[in-house]
N, C-alpha and C. Protein backbone atom coordinates (compact mmCIF):
# COMPACT_ATOMS: atom_id res chain seq x y z
N MET A 1 0.68 -1.34 0.03
CA MET A 1 -0.20 -0.02 -0.03
C MET A 1 0.74 1.39 -0.25
N LEU A 2 1.93 1.22 0.74
CA LEU A 2 3.06 2.33 0.58
C LEU A 2 3.54 2.61 -0.54
N TYR A 3 3.90 1.55 -1.44
CA TYR A 3 4.52 1.69 -2.56
C TYR A 3 3.28 2.43 -3.53
N ASN A 4 2.16 1.94 -3.42
CA ASN A 4 0.99 2.86 -4.14
C ASN A 4 0.91 4.02 -3.98
N TYR A 5 0.93 4.66 -2.67
CA TYR A 5 0.75 5.74 -2.11
C TYR A 5 1.87 6.57 -3.01
N LEU A 6 3.06 6.14 -2.73
CA LEU A 6 4.21 6.91 -3.01
C LEU A 6 4.23 6.88 -4.66
N LEU A 7 3.78 6.15 -5.47
CA LEU A 7 3.81 6.08 -6.69
C LEU A 7 2.74 7.08 -7.15
N SER A 8 1.48 7.17 -6.53
CA SER A 8 0.65 8.04 -6.87
C SER A 8 1.08 9.69 -6.69
N LEU A 9 2.16 10.05 -5.54
CA LEU A 9 2.68 11.08 -5.53
C LEU A 9 3.66 11.47 -6.46
N VAL A 10 4.60 10.42 -7.03
CA VAL A 10 5.51 10.69 -8.07
C VAL A 10 4.81 10.85 -9.40
N ARG A 11 3.60 10.48 -9.40
CA ARG A 11 3.08 10.62 -10.81
C ARG A 11 2.49 12.05 -10.73
N THR A 12 1.99 12.67 -9.75
CA THR A 12 1.37 13.92 -9.82
C THR A 12 2.48 14.93 -9.31
N LEU A 13 3.59 14.42 -9.14
CA LEU A 13 4.66 15.73 -9.02
C LEU A 13 5.51 15.79 -10.13
N ALA A 14 5.81 14.72 -10.62
CA ALA A 14 6.59 14.71 -11.74
C ALA A 14 6.74 15.64 -12.89
N PRO A 15 5.14 15.89 -13.16
CA PRO A 15 4.95 16.75 -14.17
C PRO A 15 5.15 18.37 -13.73
N ILE A 16 4.79 18.48 -12.56
CA ILE A 16 5.02 19.87 -11.81
C ILE A 16 6.42 20.18 -11.71
N LEU A 17 7.36 19.18 -11.32
CA LEU A 17 8.65 19.23 -11.24
C LEU A 17 9.50 19.68 -12.77
N ALA A 18 8.99 19.00 -13.59
CA ALA A 18 9.44 18.90 -15.05
C ALA A 18 9.19 20.52 -15.53
N GLY A 19 8.06 21.06 -15.53
CA GLY A 19 7.46 22.17 -15.52
C GLY A 19 8.67 23.42 -15.00
N TRP A 20 8.92 23.09 -13.68
CA TRP A 20 9.57 23.76 -12.82
C TRP A 20 10.89 23.87 -13.61
N LEU A 21 11.47 22.78 -13.76
CA LEU A 21 13.17 22.66 -14.25
C LEU A 21 13.21 23.27 -15.63
N ILE A 22 12.19 23.20 -16.38
CA ILE A 22 12.23 23.71 -17.90
C ILE A 22 12.12 25.37 -17.50
N THR A 23 11.33 25.86 -16.70
CA THR A 23 11.20 26.96 -16.46
C THR A 23 12.43 27.66 -16.09
N GLN A 24 13.27 27.05 -15.19
CA GLN A 24 14.64 27.50 -14.74
C GLN A 24 15.54 27.41 -15.94
N ALA A 25 15.31 26.53 -16.76
CA ALA A 25 16.51 26.63 -17.70
C ALA A 25 16.09 27.78 -18.63
N LEU A 26 14.99 28.13 -19.00
CA LEU A 26 14.77 29.05 -19.88
C LEU A 26 14.73 30.27 -19.27
N ARG A 27 14.80 30.41 -17.84
CA ARG A 27 15.15 31.42 -17.22
C ARG A 27 16.72 31.75 -17.32
N LEU A 28 17.52 31.31 -17.74
CA LEU A 28 19.00 31.81 -18.08
C LEU A 28 19.09 32.53 -19.16
N GLY A 29 18.12 32.40 -20.21
CA GLY A 29 18.17 33.33 -21.10
C GLY A 29 16.86 34.08 -21.56
N VAL A 30 15.81 33.96 -20.74
CA VAL A 30 14.61 34.58 -20.91
C VAL A 30 14.10 35.08 -19.70
N HIS A 31 13.66 36.54 -19.92
CA HIS A 31 13.08 37.22 -18.71
C HIS A 31 11.64 36.70 -18.14
N LEU A 32 11.54 36.44 -17.00
CA LEU A 32 10.43 35.77 -16.48
C LEU A 32 9.43 37.15 -15.98
N ASP A 33 8.35 37.13 -16.70
CA ASP A 33 7.37 38.15 -16.43
C ASP A 33 6.63 37.75 -15.53
N SER A 34 5.58 38.38 -14.86
CA SER A 34 4.53 38.08 -13.90
C SER A 34 3.69 36.64 -13.98
N THR A 35 3.48 36.86 -15.74
CA THR A 35 2.67 35.65 -15.77
C THR A 35 3.26 33.95 -15.78
N VAL A 36 4.67 34.25 -16.07
CA VAL A 36 5.44 32.91 -15.53
C VAL A 36 5.69 32.90 -14.17
N LEU A 37 5.79 33.83 -13.41
CA LEU A 37 5.95 33.66 -12.16
C LEU A 37 4.77 32.98 -11.33
N VAL A 38 3.56 33.58 -11.81
CA VAL A 38 2.02 33.42 -11.45
C VAL A 38 1.87 31.78 -11.84
N SER A 39 2.14 31.16 -13.10
CA SER A 39 2.17 29.90 -13.36
C SER A 39 3.19 28.78 -12.16
N LEU A 40 4.30 29.45 -12.03
CA LEU A 40 4.95 28.58 -10.98
C LEU A 40 4.40 28.77 -9.62
N GLU A 41 3.92 29.76 -9.31
CA GLU A 41 3.29 29.40 -7.88
C GLU A 41 2.19 28.84 -7.88
N THR A 42 1.39 28.80 -9.05
CA THR A 42 0.26 27.99 -9.41
C THR A 42 0.37 26.37 -9.25
N SER A 43 1.76 26.47 -9.74
CA SER A 43 1.88 24.75 -9.85
C SER A 43 2.44 24.16 -8.44
N ALA A 44 3.36 25.07 -7.58
CA ALA A 44 3.68 24.89 -6.35
C ALA A 44 2.59 24.55 -5.59
N PHE A 45 1.41 25.46 -5.53
CA PHE A 45 0.24 25.48 -4.75
C PHE A 45 -0.61 24.37 -4.98
N ALA A 46 -0.39 23.67 -6.17
CA ALA A 46 -1.25 22.70 -6.94
C ALA A 46 -0.64 21.24 -6.08
N GLY A 47 0.82 21.35 -6.40
CA GLY A 47 1.58 20.26 -5.64
C GLY A 47 1.24 19.92 -3.88
N ALA A 48 1.38 21.33 -3.42
CA ALA A 48 1.32 21.24 -2.03
C ALA A 48 -0.11 20.81 -1.70
N TYR A 49 -0.92 21.41 -2.50
CA TYR A 49 -2.34 21.02 -2.16
C TYR A 49 -2.53 19.40 -2.14
N TYR A 50 -2.08 18.95 -3.33
CA TYR A 50 -2.29 17.31 -3.51
C TYR A 50 -1.73 16.61 -2.36
N LEU A 51 -0.49 17.23 -1.85
CA LEU A 51 0.30 16.38 -0.88
C LEU A 51 -0.33 16.44 0.40
N VAL A 52 -0.79 17.54 0.94
CA VAL A 52 -1.53 17.65 1.94
C VAL A 52 -2.63 16.77 2.16
N PHE A 53 -3.53 16.89 1.34
CA PHE A 53 -4.99 15.96 1.52
C PHE A 53 -4.60 14.48 0.80
N ARG A 54 -3.64 14.24 0.07
CA ARG A 54 -3.47 12.97 -0.07
C ARG A 54 -2.88 12.27 1.24
N TRP A 55 -1.71 13.12 1.88
CA TRP A 55 -1.60 12.47 3.25
C TRP A 55 -2.64 12.41 4.18
N ALA A 56 -3.44 13.43 4.16
CA ALA A 56 -4.85 13.41 5.32
C ALA A 56 -5.57 12.28 4.84
N GLU A 57 -6.02 11.85 3.41
CA GLU A 57 -6.58 10.80 3.20
C GLU A 57 -6.33 9.62 3.76
N LEU A 58 -4.80 9.47 3.52
CA LEU A 58 -4.08 8.18 3.86
C LEU A 58 -4.29 7.95 5.73
N HIS A 59 -3.95 9.25 6.33
CA HIS A 59 -3.48 8.89 7.61
C HIS A 59 -4.68 9.44 8.55
N ILE A 60 -5.45 10.37 8.28
CA ILE A 60 -6.65 10.89 9.11
C ILE A 60 -7.92 10.04 8.78
N SER A 61 -8.48 10.55 7.53
CA SER A 61 -9.56 9.96 7.30
C SER A 61 -9.69 9.90 5.58
N PRO A 62 -10.50 8.76 5.30
CA PRO A 62 -10.47 8.73 3.69
C PRO A 62 -11.61 9.98 3.24
N ARG A 63 -12.19 10.48 4.11
CA ARG A 63 -13.09 11.65 3.73
C ARG A 63 -12.36 12.76 3.06
N PHE A 64 -11.25 12.77 3.45
CA PHE A 64 -10.33 14.01 2.71
C PHE A 64 -10.29 13.83 1.21
N GLY A 65 -10.39 12.54 0.85
CA GLY A 65 -10.48 12.48 -0.53
C GLY A 65 -11.25 12.89 -1.40
N TRP A 66 -12.50 13.41 -0.86
CA TRP A 66 -13.40 14.15 -1.78
C TRP A 66 -12.74 15.93 -2.20
N LEU A 67 -11.61 16.06 -1.22
CA LEU A 67 -11.13 17.36 -1.74
C LEU A 67 -10.23 16.99 -2.71
N LEU A 68 -9.83 16.13 -3.18
CA LEU A 68 -9.03 15.66 -4.45
C LEU A 68 -9.80 15.20 -5.83
N GLY A 69 -11.20 15.04 -5.56
CA GLY A 69 -12.27 14.87 -6.64
C GLY A 69 -12.81 13.50 -6.48
N TYR A 70 -12.41 12.50 -5.63
CA TYR A 70 -13.06 11.31 -5.39
C TYR A 70 -12.55 10.79 -4.11
N ALA A 71 -13.58 10.27 -3.47
CA ALA A 71 -13.25 9.82 -2.12
C ALA A 71 -12.47 8.59 -1.87
N ALA A 72 -12.08 7.63 -2.80
CA ALA A 72 -11.22 6.54 -2.64
C ALA A 72 -9.72 6.88 -3.38
N PRO A 73 -8.95 6.55 -2.60
CA PRO A 73 -7.75 6.51 -3.67
C PRO A 73 -7.54 5.81 -4.68
N PRO A 74 -6.46 5.85 -5.55
CA PRO A 74 -6.47 4.86 -6.80
C PRO A 74 -5.86 3.48 -6.46
N GLN A 75 -6.43 2.56 -6.83
CA GLN A 75 -6.08 1.10 -6.79
C GLN A 75 -5.15 0.80 -7.81
N TYR A 76 -3.64 0.47 -7.65
CA TYR A 76 -2.99 -0.15 -8.82
C TYR A 76 -3.02 -1.63 -8.72
N LYS A 77 -3.37 -2.32 -9.72
CA LYS A 77 -3.37 -3.66 -9.75
C LYS A 77 -1.68 -3.81 -9.88
N GLU A 78 -1.33 -5.26 -9.54
CA GLU A 78 -0.12 -5.46 -9.45
C GLU A 78 0.16 -6.05 -11.07
N PRO A 79 1.25 -5.82 -11.37
CA PRO A 79 1.41 -6.33 -12.80
C PRO A 79 1.41 -7.83 -13.11
N GLN A 80 0.83 -8.35 -14.18
CA GLN A 80 1.21 -9.75 -14.60
C GLN A 80 2.13 -9.90 -15.35
N PRO A 81 2.73 -11.12 -14.60
CA PRO A 81 4.01 -11.67 -15.39
C PRO A 81 3.58 -11.98 -16.94
N THR A 82 4.43 -11.63 -17.69
CA THR A 82 4.33 -12.16 -19.21
C THR A 82 5.41 -13.33 -19.69
N SER A 83 4.83 -14.17 -20.44
CA SER A 83 5.85 -15.12 -20.86
C SER A 83 6.50 -14.53 -22.19
N LEU A 84 7.76 -15.15 -22.28
CA LEU A 84 8.14 -14.54 -23.75
C LEU A 84 8.21 -15.79 -24.56
N GLY A 85 7.71 -16.58 -24.23
CA GLY A 85 7.55 -17.87 -25.29
C GLY A 85 6.48 -18.08 -25.73
């Protein structure tokens, strides 16, 4: 269960982190205006919101899941082994 929880966090935060890294790379040669800064702040807030309520859903009450759009956390099936023959 902990693995699935960590996997869900990684799958949510990876795009946010990628966007932030791309923005930082562009920052070396591009002036950051207020629109870009608002976009970064929005991404950071969205990531923090998800982390807080996903943690609360797991450790306090499943009812916190409604603040993430659905009351049940994602269920990942175990991968089925495939034969190569």
